[in-house]
C-alpha atoms as a PDB file:
ATOM      1  CA  MET A   1     -78.186 -20.627  -5.402  1.00  0.00           C
ATOM      2  CA  ASN A   2     -77.928 -20.116  -9.081  1.00  0.00           C
ATOM      3  CA  ARG A   3     -76.144 -17.238 -10.824  1.00  0.00           C
ATOM      4  CA  PHE A   4     -79.401 -15.435 -11.664  1.00  0.00           C
ATOM      5  CA  THR A   5     -80.491 -15.276  -8.028  1.00  0.00           C
ATOM      6  CA  MET A   6     -77.107 -13.957  -6.948  1.00  0.00           C
ATOM      7  CA  LEU A   7     -77.272 -11.241  -9.614  1.00  0.00           C
ATOM      8  CA  VAL A   8     -80.706 -10.106  -8.392  1.00  0.00           C
ATOM      9  CA  ILE A   9     -79.534  -9.998  -4.750  1.00  0.00           C
ATOM     10  CA  CYS A  10     -76.439  -7.928  -5.661  1.00  0.00           C
ATOM     11  CA  THR A  11     -78.529  -5.531  -7.718  1.00  0.00           C
ATOM     12  CA  LEU A  12     -81.035  -4.985  -4.879  1.00  0.00           C
ATOM     13  CA  THR A  13     -78.207  -4.474  -2.387  1.00  0.00           C
ATOM     14  CA  LEU A  14     -76.634  -1.806  -4.600  1.00  0.00           C
ATOM     15  CA  VAL A  15     -79.978  -0.031  -5.031  1.00  0.00           C
ATOM     16  CA  LEU A  16     -80.679  -0.048  -1.294  1.00  0.00           C
ATOM     17  CA  PHE A  17     -77.153   1.188  -0.484  1.00  0.00           C
ATOM     18  CA  THR A  18     -77.485   4.020  -2.957  1.00  0.00           C
ATOM     19  CA  ALA A  19     -80.932   5.035  -1.626  1.00  0.00           C
ATOM     20  CA  CYS A  20     -79.762   5.018   1.990  1.00  0.00           C
ATOM     21  CA  THR A  21     -76.582   6.978   1.388  1.00  0.00           C
ATOM     22  CA  PRO A  22     -77.218  10.676   2.240  1.00  0.00           C
ATOM     23  CA  ALA A  23     -76.645  13.111  -0.605  1.00  0.00           C
ATOM     24  CA  PRO A  24     -73.679  15.460  -0.100  1.00  0.00           C
ATOM     25  CA  THR A  25     -74.593  18.924   1.226  1.00  0.00           C
ATOM     26  CA  VAL A  26     -73.996  21.719  -1.285  1.00  0.00           C
ATOM     27  CA  THR A  27     -73.376  25.122   0.271  1.00  0.00           C
ATOM     28  CA  PRO A  28     -74.618  27.912  -2.022  1.00  0.00           C
ATOM     29  CA  VAL A  29     -71.992  30.538  -2.888  1.00  0.00           C
ATOM     30  CA  PRO A  30     -73.363  34.044  -2.394  1.00  0.00           C
ATOM     31  CA  PRO A  31     -73.061  36.256  -5.517  1.00  0.00           C
ATOM     32  CA  THR A  32     -70.343  38.876  -5.541  1.00  0.00           C
ATOM     33  CA  PRO A  33     -71.985  42.254  -4.942  1.00  0.00           C
ATOM     34  CA  VAL A  34     -71.684  44.636  -7.893  1.00  0.00           C
ATOM     35  CA  PRO A  35     -71.224  48.266  -6.851  1.00  0.00           C
ATOM     36  CA  PRO A  36     -73.823  50.592  -8.408  1.00  0.00           C
ATOM     37  CA  THR A  37     -72.676  52.752 -11.289  1.00  0.00           C
ATOM     38  CA  PRO A  38     -72.275  56.295  -9.959  1.00  0.00           C
ATOM     39  CA  THR A  39     -74.630  58.821 -11.538  1.00  0.00           C
ATOM     40  CA  PRO A  40     -72.863  62.070 -12.434  1.00  0.00           C
ATOM     41  CA  GLN A  41     -74.273  65.004 -10.514  1.00  0.00           C
ATOM     42  CA  VAL A  42     -75.382  67.705 -12.932  1.00  0.00           C
ATOM     43  CA  PRO A  43     -75.997  71.047 -11.197  1.00  0.00           C
ATOM     44  CA  THR A  44     -79.475  72.278 -12.107  1.00  0.00           C
ATOM     45  CA  PHE A  45     -80.813  75.780 -11.623  1.00  0.00           C
ATOM     46  CA  ALA A  46     -83.538  76.209  -9.001  1.00  0.00           C
ATOM     47  CA  LYS A  47     -85.798  78.982  -7.756  1.00  0.00           C
ATOM     48  CA  ASP A  48     -84.795  78.678  -4.102  1.00  0.00           C
ATOM     49  CA  LYS A  49     -81.059  78.082  -4.421  1.00  0.00           C
ATOM     50  CA  GLY A  50     -78.673  79.937  -6.691  1.00  0.00           C
ATOM     51  CA  LEU A  51     -75.700  78.514  -8.554  1.00  0.00           C
ATOM     52  CA  GLU A  52     -72.521  80.548  -8.621  1.00  0.00           C
ATOM     53  CA  VAL A  53     -71.875  81.025 -12.309  1.00  0.00           C
ATOM     54  CA  SER A  54     -70.701  84.561 -12.990  1.00  0.00           C
ATOM     55  CA  ASN A  55     -67.219  85.793 -12.165  1.00  0.00           C
ATOM     56  CA  SER A  56     -68.625  89.256 -11.496  1.00  0.00           C
ATOM     57  CA  GLU A  57     -70.879  90.692  -8.778  1.00  0.00           C
ATOM     58  CA  VAL A  58     -72.081  93.377 -11.201  1.00  0.00           C
ATOM     59  CA  THR A  59     -75.814  93.157 -11.898  1.00  0.00           C
ATOM     60  CA  GLY A  60     -77.621  95.741 -13.983  1.00  0.00           C
ATOM     61  CA  LYS A  61     -81.328  96.359 -14.446  1.00  0.00           C
ATOM     62  CA  GLY A  62     -82.779  94.959 -17.650  1.00  0.00           C
ATOM     63  CA  GLU A  63     -83.002  91.875 -19.837  1.00  0.00           C
ATOM     64  CA  VAL A  64     -80.714  89.942 -22.147  1.00  0.00           C
ATOM     65  CA  SER A  65     -81.972  87.196 -24.476  1.00  0.00           C
ATOM     66  CA  PHE A  66     -79.902  84.532 -26.222  1.00  0.00           C
ATOM     67  CA  GLU A  67     -81.126  82.807 -29.376  1.00  0.00           C
ATOM     68  CA  VAL A  68     -79.635  80.798 -32.233  1.00  0.00           C
ATOM     69  CA  GLY A  69     -77.668  83.064 -34.523  1.00  0.00           C
ATOM     70  CA  ALA A  70     -77.545  83.354 -38.296  1.00  0.00           C
ATOM     71  CA  SER A  71     -75.023  80.475 -38.403  1.00  0.00           C
ATOM     72  CA  ALA A  72     -74.251  77.449 -36.205  1.00  0.00           C
ATOM     73  CA  ASP A  73     -71.351  79.187 -34.462  1.00  0.00           C
ATOM     74  CA  THR A  74     -73.053  82.488 -33.583  1.00  0.00           C
ATOM     75  CA  LEU A  75     -75.669  83.799 -31.171  1.00  0.00           C
ATOM     76  CA  LYS A  76     -78.351  86.411 -31.650  1.00  0.00           C
ATOM     77  CA  ILE A  77     -78.395  88.566 -28.516  1.00  0.00           C
ATOM     78  CA  THR A  78     -81.115  91.075 -27.644  1.00  0.00           C
ATOM     79  CA  VAL A  79     -80.360  93.531 -24.829  1.00  0.00           C
ATOM     80  CA  SER A  80     -82.279  96.290 -23.055  1.00  0.00           C
ATOM     81  CA  GLY A  81     -81.231  97.924 -19.791  1.00  0.00           C
ATOM     82  CA  THR A  82     -78.317  99.521 -17.973  1.00  0.00           C
ATOM     83  CA  VAL A  83     -75.203  97.841 -16.598  1.00  0.00           C
ATOM     84  CA  PRO A  84     -72.963  99.634 -14.071  1.00  0.00           C
ATOM     85  CA  VAL A  85     -69.219  99.578 -14.678  1.00  0.00           C
ATOM     86  CA  THR A  86     -67.056  98.999 -11.614  1.00  0.00           C
ATOM     87  CA  ASN A  87     -63.865  97.900 -13.342  1.00  0.00           C
ATOM     88  CA  GLN A  88     -62.737  99.722 -16.478  1.00  0.00           C
ATOM     89  CA  ASN A  89     -60.502  96.798 -17.469  1.00  0.00           C
ATOM     90  CA  ALA A  90     -63.091  94.045 -16.983  1.00  0.00           C
ATOM     91  CA  ILE A  91     -66.536  95.248 -18.060  1.00  0.00           C
ATOM     92  CA  CYS A  92     -69.424  92.852 -17.470  1.00  0.00           C
ATOM     93  CA  TRP A  93     -71.187  93.825 -20.693  1.00  0.00           C
ATOM     94  CA  LEU A  94     -74.226  91.538 -20.435  1.00  0.00           C
ATOM     95  CA  CYS A  95     -74.600  91.343 -16.650  1.00  0.00           C
ATOM     96  CA  LEU A  96     -78.310  92.168 -16.402  1.00  0.00           C
ATOM     97  CA  ASP A  97     -80.687  90.803 -13.788  1.00  0.00           C
ATOM     98  CA  THR A  98     -82.963  88.899 -16.192  1.00  0.00           C
ATOM     99  CA  ILE A  99     -81.563  86.347 -18.645  1.00  0.00           C
ATOM    100  CA  HIS A 100     -83.572  84.474 -21.283  1.00  0.00           C
ATOM    101  CA  ILE A 101     -82.136  81.429 -23.080  1.00  0.00           C
ATOM    102  CA  ALA A 102     -83.911  79.829 -26.044  1.00  0.00           C
ATOM    103  CA  PRO A 103     -85.028  76.149 -25.839  1.00  0.00           C
ATOM    104  CA  GLY A 104     -82.172  73.662 -26.083  1.00  0.00           C
ATOM    105  CA  LEU A 105     -79.568  76.405 -26.455  1.00  0.00           C
ATOM    106  CA  LYS A 106     -76.158  76.149 -24.779  1.00  0.00           C
ATOM    107  CA  ILE A 107     -74.272  79.343 -23.940  1.00  0.00           C
ATOM    108  CA  ALA A 108     -70.853  79.793 -22.375  1.00  0.00           C
ATOM    109  CA  VAL A 109     -70.861  81.116 -18.801  1.00  0.00           C
ATOM    110  CA  GLU A 110     -68.522  83.866 -19.982  1.00  0.00           C
ATOM    111  CA  PHE A 111     -71.570  85.641 -21.442  1.00  0.00           C
ATOM    112  CA  ILE A 112     -72.845  86.159 -17.879  1.00  0.00           C
ATOM    113  CA  GLY A 113     -69.469  87.475 -16.714  1.00  0.00           C
ATOM    114  CA  THR A 114     -66.552  89.502 -17.961  1.00  0.00           C
ATOM    115  CA  GLY A 115     -65.740  87.192 -20.892  1.00  0.00           C
ATOM    116  CA  VAL A 116     -67.527  89.258 -23.538  1.00  0.00           C
ATOM    117  CA  ASP A 117     -65.512  91.606 -25.717  1.00  0.00           C
ATOM    118  CA  MET A 118     -67.836  93.870 -27.659  1.00  0.00           C
ATOM    119  CA  ALA A 119     -65.095  94.464 -30.209  1.00  0.00           C
ATOM    120  CA  LYS A 120     -65.752  90.885 -31.405  1.00  0.00           C
ATOM    121  CA  THR A 121     -69.384  91.646 -32.255  1.00  0.00           C
ATOM    122  CA  ILE A 122     -70.086  90.381 -35.759  1.00  0.00           C
ATOM    123  CA  LYS A 123     -73.024  92.633 -36.547  1.00  0.00           C
ATOM    124  CA  VAL A 124     -75.428  95.059 -34.851  1.00  0.00           C
ATOM    125  CA  TYR A 125     -78.898  94.739 -36.375  1.00  0.00           C
ATOM    126  CA  SER A 126     -80.682  97.478 -34.475  1.00  0.00           C
ATOM    127  CA  GLY A 127     -80.812  99.566 -31.322  1.00  0.00           C
ATOM    128  CA  THR A 128     -78.457 101.931 -29.559  1.00  0.00           C
ATOM    129  CA  LEU A 129     -75.599 101.280 -27.131  1.00  0.00           C
ATOM    130  CA  LYS A 130     -74.519 104.225 -24.989  1.00  0.00           C
ATOM    131  CA  GLN A 131     -71.400 104.422 -22.856  1.00  0.00           C
ATOM    132  CA  ASN A 132     -72.212 106.845 -20.050  1.00  0.00           C
ATOM    133  CA  LEU A 133     -69.059 108.615 -18.857  1.00  0.00           C
ATOM    134  CA  LYS A 134     -68.403 109.398 -15.226  1.00  0.00           C
ATOM    135  CA  VAL A 135     -69.032 113.022 -14.277  1.00  0.00           C
ATOM    136  CA  VAL A 136     -67.189 114.800 -11.445  1.00  0.00           C
ATOM    137  CA  GLU A 137     -67.501 118.238  -9.862  1.00  0.00           C
ATOM    138  CA  VAL A 138     -64.555 120.600 -10.229  1.00  0.00           C
ATOM    139  CA  ASN A 139     -64.733 124.113  -8.755  1.00  0.00           C
ATOM    140  CA  GLY A 140     -68.490 123.883  -8.540  1.00  0.00           C
ATOM    141  CA  LEU A 141     -68.833 122.760 -12.142  1.00  0.00           C
ATOM    142  CA  ARG A 142     -69.823 119.268 -13.298  1.00  0.00           C
ATOM    143  CA  THR A 143     -67.515 117.911 -15.956  1.00  0.00           C
ATOM    144  CA  ILE A 144     -66.468 114.600 -17.467  1.00  0.00           C
ATOM    145  CA  LYS A 145     -63.732 112.966 -15.460  1.00  0.00           C
ATOM    146  CA  ASN A 146     -60.265 113.190 -16.956  1.00  0.00           C
ATOM    147  CA  PRO A 147     -59.099 110.705 -18.058  1.00  0.00           C
ATOM    148  CA  PRO A 148     -62.587 109.530 -19.051  1.00  0.00           C
ATOM    149  CA  GLU A 149     -64.111 106.544 -17.264  1.00  0.00           C
ATOM    150  CA  ILE A 150     -67.255 104.633 -18.198  1.00  0.00           C
ATOM    151  CA  GLU A 151     -69.802 104.791 -15.388  1.00  0.00           C
ATOM    152  CA  SER A 152     -72.459 102.605 -17.015  1.00  0.00           C
ATOM    153  CA  ILE A 153     -73.626 101.128 -20.300  1.00  0.00           C
ATOM    154  CA  THR A 154     -77.169 101.581 -21.570  1.00  0.00           C
ATOM    155  CA  TYR A 155     -78.741  99.336 -24.190  1.00  0.00           C
ATOM    156  CA  GLU A 156     -81.812 100.545 -26.029  1.00  0.00           C
ATOM    157  CA  ALA A 157     -83.341  97.498 -27.774  1.00  0.00           C
ATOM    158  CA  VAL A 158     -79.970  96.365 -29.100  1.00  0.00           C
ATOM    159  CA  VAL A 159     -79.954  93.249 -31.315  1.00  0.00           C
ATOM    160  CA  LEU A 160     -76.542  91.900 -32.265  1.00  0.00           C
ATOM    161  CA  GLU A 161     -74.718  88.822 -33.573  1.00  0.00           C
ATOM    162  CA  TYR A 162     -71.831  87.438 -31.503  1.00  0.00           C
ATOM    163  CA  PRO A 163     -69.527  84.373 -31.726  1.00  0.00           C
ATOM    164  CA  LEU A 164     -70.739  81.306 -29.804  1.00  0.00           C
ATOM    165  CA  MET A 165     -67.541  80.738 -27.719  1.00  0.00           C
ATOM    166  CA  THR A 166     -67.427  77.027 -28.502  1.00  0.00           C
ATOM    167  CA  THR A 167     -64.125  76.541 -26.644  1.00  0.00           C
ATOM    168  CA  SER A 168     -65.637  77.350 -23.263  1.00  0.00           C
ATOM    169  CA  ILE A 169     -65.472  74.556 -20.649  1.00  0.00           C
ATOM    170  CA  ASN A 170     -68.528  75.620 -18.630  1.00  0.00           C
ATOM    171  CA  ALA A 171     -71.916  76.341 -20.189  1.00  0.00           C
ATOM    172  CA  ILE A 172     -75.559  76.915 -19.314  1.00  0.00           C
ATOM    173  CA  VAL A 173     -77.898  74.554 -21.156  1.00  0.00           C
ATOM    174  CA  ALA A 174     -81.595  75.424 -21.406  1.00  0.00           C
ATOM    175  CA  GLY A 175     -84.283  72.728 -21.411  1.00  0.00           C
ATOM    176  CA  SER A 176     -86.916  72.038 -24.051  1.00  0.00           C
ATOM    177  CA  GLN A 177     -89.055  74.955 -22.855  1.00  0.00           C
ATOM    178  CA  GLY A 178     -86.159  77.379 -22.604  1.00  0.00           C
ATOM    179  CA  ALA A 179     -85.092  79.101 -19.405  1.00  0.00           C
ATOM    180  CA  THR A 180     -85.394  82.451 -17.692  1.00  0.00           C
ATOM    181  CA  LEU A 181     -82.774  83.090 -15.023  1.00  0.00           C
ATOM    182  CA  LYS A 182     -82.290  85.855 -12.483  1.00  0.00           C
ATOM    183  CA  LYS A 183     -78.797  87.161 -11.769  1.00  0.00           C
ATOM    184  CA  ASP A 184     -78.065  88.249  -8.206  1.00  0.00           C
ATOM    185  CA  GLY A 185     -74.382  89.026  -7.843  1.00  0.00           C
ATOM    186  CA  LYS A 186     -72.477  85.915  -8.920  1.00  0.00           C
ATOM    187  CA  LEU A 187     -75.506  83.669  -8.395  1.00  0.00           C
ATOM    188  CA  LEU A 188     -78.150  82.632 -10.923  1.00  0.00           C
ATOM    189  CA  PHE A 189     -81.670  81.565  -9.898  1.00  0.00           C
ATOM    190  CA  LEU A 190     -84.316  79.914 -12.056  1.00  0.00           C
ATOM    191  CA  LEU A 191     -87.431  81.978 -12.759  1.00  0.00           C
ATOM    192  CA  LYS A 192     -89.063  79.913 -15.509  1.00  0.00           C
ATOM    193  CA  GLY A 193     -88.419  76.771 -17.559  1.00  0.00           C
ATOM    194  CA  ASP A 194     -85.408  74.621 -16.742  1.00  0.00           C
ATOM    195  CA  ALA A 195     -81.650  74.635 -17.242  1.00  0.00           C
ATOM    196  CA  TYR A 196     -78.520  72.988 -15.966  1.00  0.00           C
ATOM    197  CA  LEU A 197     -74.845  73.847 -15.675  1.00  0.00           C
ATOM    198  CA  GLN A 198     -72.538  71.792 -17.889  1.00  0.00           C
ATOM    199  CA  ARG A 199     -68.965  71.433 -16.640  1.00  0.00           C
END
């Protein structure tokens, strides 16, 4: 047997051995599950379920509208209606049952509670604000209570400019169509448009 024949036989043997040897089994490694990114829950206002926003139960009859003010850090507020006063030291000045917020506008929740201080009003454009004093009966005669107490506040088409309260943590943000909300005690319900509570 010459060297060429031996080389051919060795080569064929190696090929056959390689073909007959089973390939090693590879066990696939399952991928490590990635937990889903949590989506922050943004409270939105709805018609059938109110969000507790105000710090006051006081709700007067009338409307208050919030719009962009004359500058970036002010609001134009239009008010008509009457608000009862139950606490002389914490008056809920703008606590009316119907609230309008202009499209895309963000207002601090303090506007719908006792956070407003009318002494900070920048300018009153028009209208009349009346503080109705409490009347009592003394010896058959009706007279103003002494010391005087405010029983209610009446707005007659009042339009005023007020600071935006940019330091507030919680705010109501109206959608692209604006929002109309109904106040019922401390709760706010959506009547029209859309809005959410930013915390």
